[in-house]
Amino acid sequence: MRITGGKARGIPIKAPKGTITRPATDRMREAIFSSLGNRVEGSRVVDLFAGTGAYGLEAISRGAVRATFYESNRNALACLKQNQQAVLKSCELSGDIFRIFAGDVYSVGTVSEKADLIFIDPPYDTIEDRIEDIFQQADKHADQEAWVILELPGDLELEPKGWQLIRRFGNSKRDTPGAAVFERRTLEH
């Protein structure tokens, strides 16, 4: 795995050994960021269930100005911190553009700074049962025009309350990663 675009392109991403994390593939991130285009430049991002931090770090490499990461696994946090340092060095940036919270995503309280892009890559086996909880956390971080990018099994169809699907990535096989991009649902008059 590596950063696929921007100033840190080609930097390897370290991941913990074992199956605790399921890092986003280079191909999936490349497709997502290609579709986000100019929306990344100057954005503030949140990476929920960050794992290695691949989504947030990719965003920084491509011009995001701030990234906040949430992760509870100690081994993943160690890799995330190493990956963060490598991206900072490659992009010639200072560490104050990153915030890392070590803890459970579901226990996040009030958030002072809002984000433009929210990347969510939860354990697949929790998505269907916890989708409303997951999007409640996204709501805490979301600016009024924020987009949520959710990685999920390819065959899973969701309609989170208050959000509408913009685009899907990947194929429709159960064991194949896919992703969906959501924006806030607008009220019709």
Protein backbone atom coordinates (compact mmCIF):
# COMPACT_ATOMS: atom_id res chain seq x y z
CA MET A 1 0.00 0.00 0.00
CA ARG A 2 1.09 3.52 -0.78
CA ILE A 3 -0.17 7.09 -1.15
CA THR A 4 -1.56 7.22 -4.70
CA GLY A 5 -1.47 10.93 -5.52
CA GLY A 6 -0.35 14.41 -4.55
CA LYS A 7 2.89 15.54 -2.91
CA ALA A 8 3.41 12.29 -0.97
CA ARG A 9 2.65 10.04 -3.93
CA GLY A 10 4.46 6.71 -3.65
CA ILE A 11 5.07 6.92 0.13
CA PRO A 12 4.46 3.43 1.59
CA ILE A 13 1.68 3.05 4.16
CA LYS A 14 2.46 0.77 7.10
CA ALA A 15 -0.29 -1.51 8.39
CA PRO A 16 -0.39 -3.67 11.51
CA LYS A 17 0.13 -7.40 11.09
CA GLY A 18 -2.90 -9.64 11.26
CA THR A 19 -6.53 -9.02 10.41
CA ILE A 20 -7.37 -6.31 12.97
CA THR A 21 -7.43 -3.67 10.23
CA ARG A 22 -8.56 -3.87 6.61
CA PRO A 23 -6.70 -0.98 4.95
CA ALA A 24 -8.35 0.72 2.00
CA THR A 25 -6.76 -0.55 -1.20
CA ASP A 26 -4.72 1.75 -3.41
CA ARG A 27 -7.16 1.15 -6.25
CA MET A 28 -10.22 2.09 -4.16
CA ARG A 29 -8.60 5.27 -2.82
CA GLU A 30 -7.43 6.25 -6.29
CA ALA A 31 -10.97 5.89 -7.69
CA ILE A 32 -12.53 7.82 -4.81
CA PHE A 33 -10.05 10.69 -4.89
CA SER A 34 -10.26 10.90 -8.66
CA SER A 35 -14.02 11.41 -8.37
CA LEU A 36 -13.64 13.96 -5.54
CA GLY A 37 -11.35 16.06 -7.74
CA ASN A 38 -11.00 19.68 -6.64
CA ARG A 39 -13.19 19.11 -3.59
CA VAL A 40 -10.11 17.84 -1.70
CA GLU A 41 -7.94 20.95 -2.19
CA GLY A 42 -8.26 23.19 0.89
CA SER A 43 -10.67 20.81 2.65
CA ARG A 44 -10.83 19.76 6.27
CA VAL A 45 -11.19 15.99 6.62
CA VAL A 46 -12.12 13.47 9.28
CA ASP A 47 -11.08 9.83 9.06
CA LEU A 48 -13.37 7.75 11.31
CA PHE A 49 -12.19 4.18 12.02
CA ALA A 50 -8.87 5.44 10.63
CA GLY A 51 -6.77 2.29 10.90
CA THR A 52 -3.59 3.16 8.99
CA GLY A 53 -4.96 6.64 8.21
CA ALA A 54 -4.84 5.98 4.47
CA TYR A 55 -7.86 8.13 3.57
CA GLY A 56 -6.93 11.15 5.66
CA LEU A 57 -3.26 10.98 4.69
CA GLU A 58 -4.18 10.67 1.01
CA ALA A 59 -6.33 13.80 1.40
CA ILE A 60 -3.45 15.75 2.97
CA SER A 61 -1.13 14.64 0.17
CA ARG A 62 -3.69 15.94 -2.32
CA GLY A 63 -4.10 19.37 -0.70
CA ALA A 64 -6.43 19.07 2.31
CA VAL A 65 -5.45 21.55 5.04
CA ARG A 66 -6.42 19.60 8.17
CA ALA A 67 -7.07 15.96 9.07
CA THR A 68 -8.53 14.44 12.21
CA PHE A 69 -8.22 10.71 12.82
CA TYR A 70 -10.17 8.42 15.17
CA GLU A 71 -8.81 4.96 15.95
CA SER A 72 -9.03 2.68 19.00
CA ASN A 73 -6.59 -0.13 18.17
CA ARG A 74 -3.14 0.39 19.69
CA ASN A 75 -1.24 -1.33 16.85
CA ALA A 76 -3.13 0.61 14.18
CA LEU A 77 -2.43 3.86 16.07
CA ALA A 78 1.31 3.11 16.05
CA CYS A 79 1.21 2.59 12.27
CA LEU A 80 -0.95 5.69 11.79
CA LYS A 81 1.60 7.83 13.66
CA GLN A 82 4.47 6.45 11.53
CA ASN A 83 2.47 7.04 8.35
CA GLN A 84 1.63 10.57 9.47
CA GLN A 85 5.31 11.41 9.98
CA ALA A 86 6.25 10.05 6.54
CA VAL A 87 3.52 12.10 4.83
CA LEU A 88 4.41 15.26 6.79
CA LYS A 89 8.05 14.92 5.76
CA SER A 90 7.20 14.23 2.11
CA CYS A 91 4.76 17.15 1.91
CA GLU A 92 7.04 19.44 3.96
CA LEU A 93 4.25 20.22 6.43
CA SER A 94 4.08 20.73 10.20
CA GLY A 95 2.35 18.34 12.59
CA ASP A 96 -0.31 20.81 13.69
CA ILE A 97 -2.47 19.96 10.66
CA PHE A 98 -3.16 16.53 12.21
CA ARG A 99 -5.16 15.50 15.25
CA ILE A 100 -5.32 11.89 16.36
CA PHE A 101 -7.90 10.67 18.89
CA ALA A 102 -7.23 7.29 20.44
CA GLY A 103 -10.60 5.88 21.37
CA ASP A 104 -13.99 4.59 20.39
CA VAL A 105 -15.63 6.51 17.54
CA TYR A 106 -19.05 6.09 19.14
CA SER A 107 -18.02 7.95 22.31
CA VAL A 108 -17.05 11.19 20.55
CA GLY A 109 -18.64 14.16 22.27
CA THR A 110 -19.19 17.62 20.84
CA VAL A 111 -16.88 18.56 17.97
CA SER A 112 -15.71 22.16 17.61
CA GLU A 113 -14.28 22.08 14.08
CA LYS A 114 -16.43 20.88 11.19
CA ALA A 115 -15.18 18.92 8.18
CA ASP A 116 -15.84 19.06 4.44
CA LEU A 117 -15.02 15.39 3.79
CA ILE A 118 -15.66 12.53 6.21
CA PHE A 119 -14.08 9.18 5.42
CA ILE A 120 -15.62 6.19 7.18
CA ASP A 121 -14.14 2.70 6.91
CA PRO A 122 -15.74 0.70 9.76
CA PRO A 123 -15.51 -3.04 10.33
CA TYR A 124 -17.80 -4.51 7.66
CA ASP A 125 -19.64 -6.76 10.11
CA THR A 126 -20.90 -3.73 12.07
CA ILE A 127 -22.17 -1.52 9.25
CA GLU A 128 -25.73 -2.80 8.78
CA ASP A 129 -26.51 -2.90 12.50
CA ARG A 130 -24.82 0.40 13.35
CA ILE A 131 -25.41 2.53 10.24
CA GLU A 132 -27.50 5.12 12.10
CA ASP A 133 -24.88 5.34 14.88
CA ILE A 134 -22.13 5.70 12.29
CA PHE A 135 -23.95 8.55 10.55
CA GLN A 136 -24.73 10.23 13.88
CA GLN A 137 -20.98 10.45 14.38
CA ALA A 138 -20.57 11.78 10.83
CA ASP A 139 -23.24 14.42 11.59
CA LYS A 140 -21.19 15.68 14.55
CA HIS A 141 -18.27 16.39 12.22
CA ALA A 142 -20.09 17.45 9.05
CA ASP A 143 -20.11 20.98 7.75
CA GLN A 144 -23.41 21.90 6.09
CA GLU A 145 -22.18 20.86 2.62
CA ALA A 146 -19.97 17.96 3.73
CA TRP A 147 -19.71 14.69 1.86
CA VAL A 148 -19.39 11.33 3.56
CA ILE A 149 -17.36 8.61 1.86
CA LEU A 150 -18.24 5.21 3.32
CA GLU A 151 -16.32 2.04 2.49
CA LEU A 152 -18.61 -0.99 2.65
CA PRO A 153 -19.17 -4.44 1.19
CA GLY A 154 -19.98 -4.13 -2.52
CA ASP A 155 -23.48 -5.61 -2.25
CA LEU A 156 -24.69 -3.54 0.73
CA GLU A 157 -27.38 -0.94 -0.06
CA LEU A 158 -27.95 1.76 2.56
CA GLU A 159 -30.04 4.90 2.98
CA PRO A 160 -28.83 6.65 6.12
CA LYS A 161 -31.34 9.10 7.59
CA GLY A 162 -30.65 12.65 6.40
CA TRP A 163 -28.19 11.63 3.67
CA GLN A 164 -28.54 10.76 0.00
CA LEU A 165 -26.34 8.61 -2.18
CA ILE A 166 -24.37 10.45 -4.88
CA ARG A 167 -22.14 7.70 -6.25
CA ARG A 168 -21.05 4.08 -5.74
CA PHE A 169 -17.66 2.47 -6.40
CA GLY A 170 -16.68 -1.15 -6.80
CA ASN A 171 -18.77 -4.09 -7.86
CA SER A 172 -21.72 -5.82 -6.24
CA LYS A 173 -20.00 -8.86 -4.73
CA ARG A 174 -20.34 -9.43 -0.98
CA ASP A 175 -16.66 -10.00 -0.24
CA THR A 176 -15.43 -7.21 -2.49
CA PRO A 177 -14.87 -3.73 -1.04
CA GLY A 178 -16.98 -0.96 -2.41
CA ALA A 179 -17.60 2.64 -1.42
CA ALA A 180 -20.46 5.08 -1.46
CA VAL A 181 -20.43 8.88 -1.42
CA PHE A 182 -23.27 10.65 0.38
CA GLU A 183 -24.33 14.28 0.72
CA ARG A 184 -26.89 15.82 3.04
CA ARG A 185 -30.42 15.29 1.85
CA THR A 186 -32.00 18.59 0.83
CA LEU A 187 -35.58 19.37 1.74
CA GLU A 188 -37.93 19.79 -1.21
CA HIS A 189 -40.47 22.62 -1.05
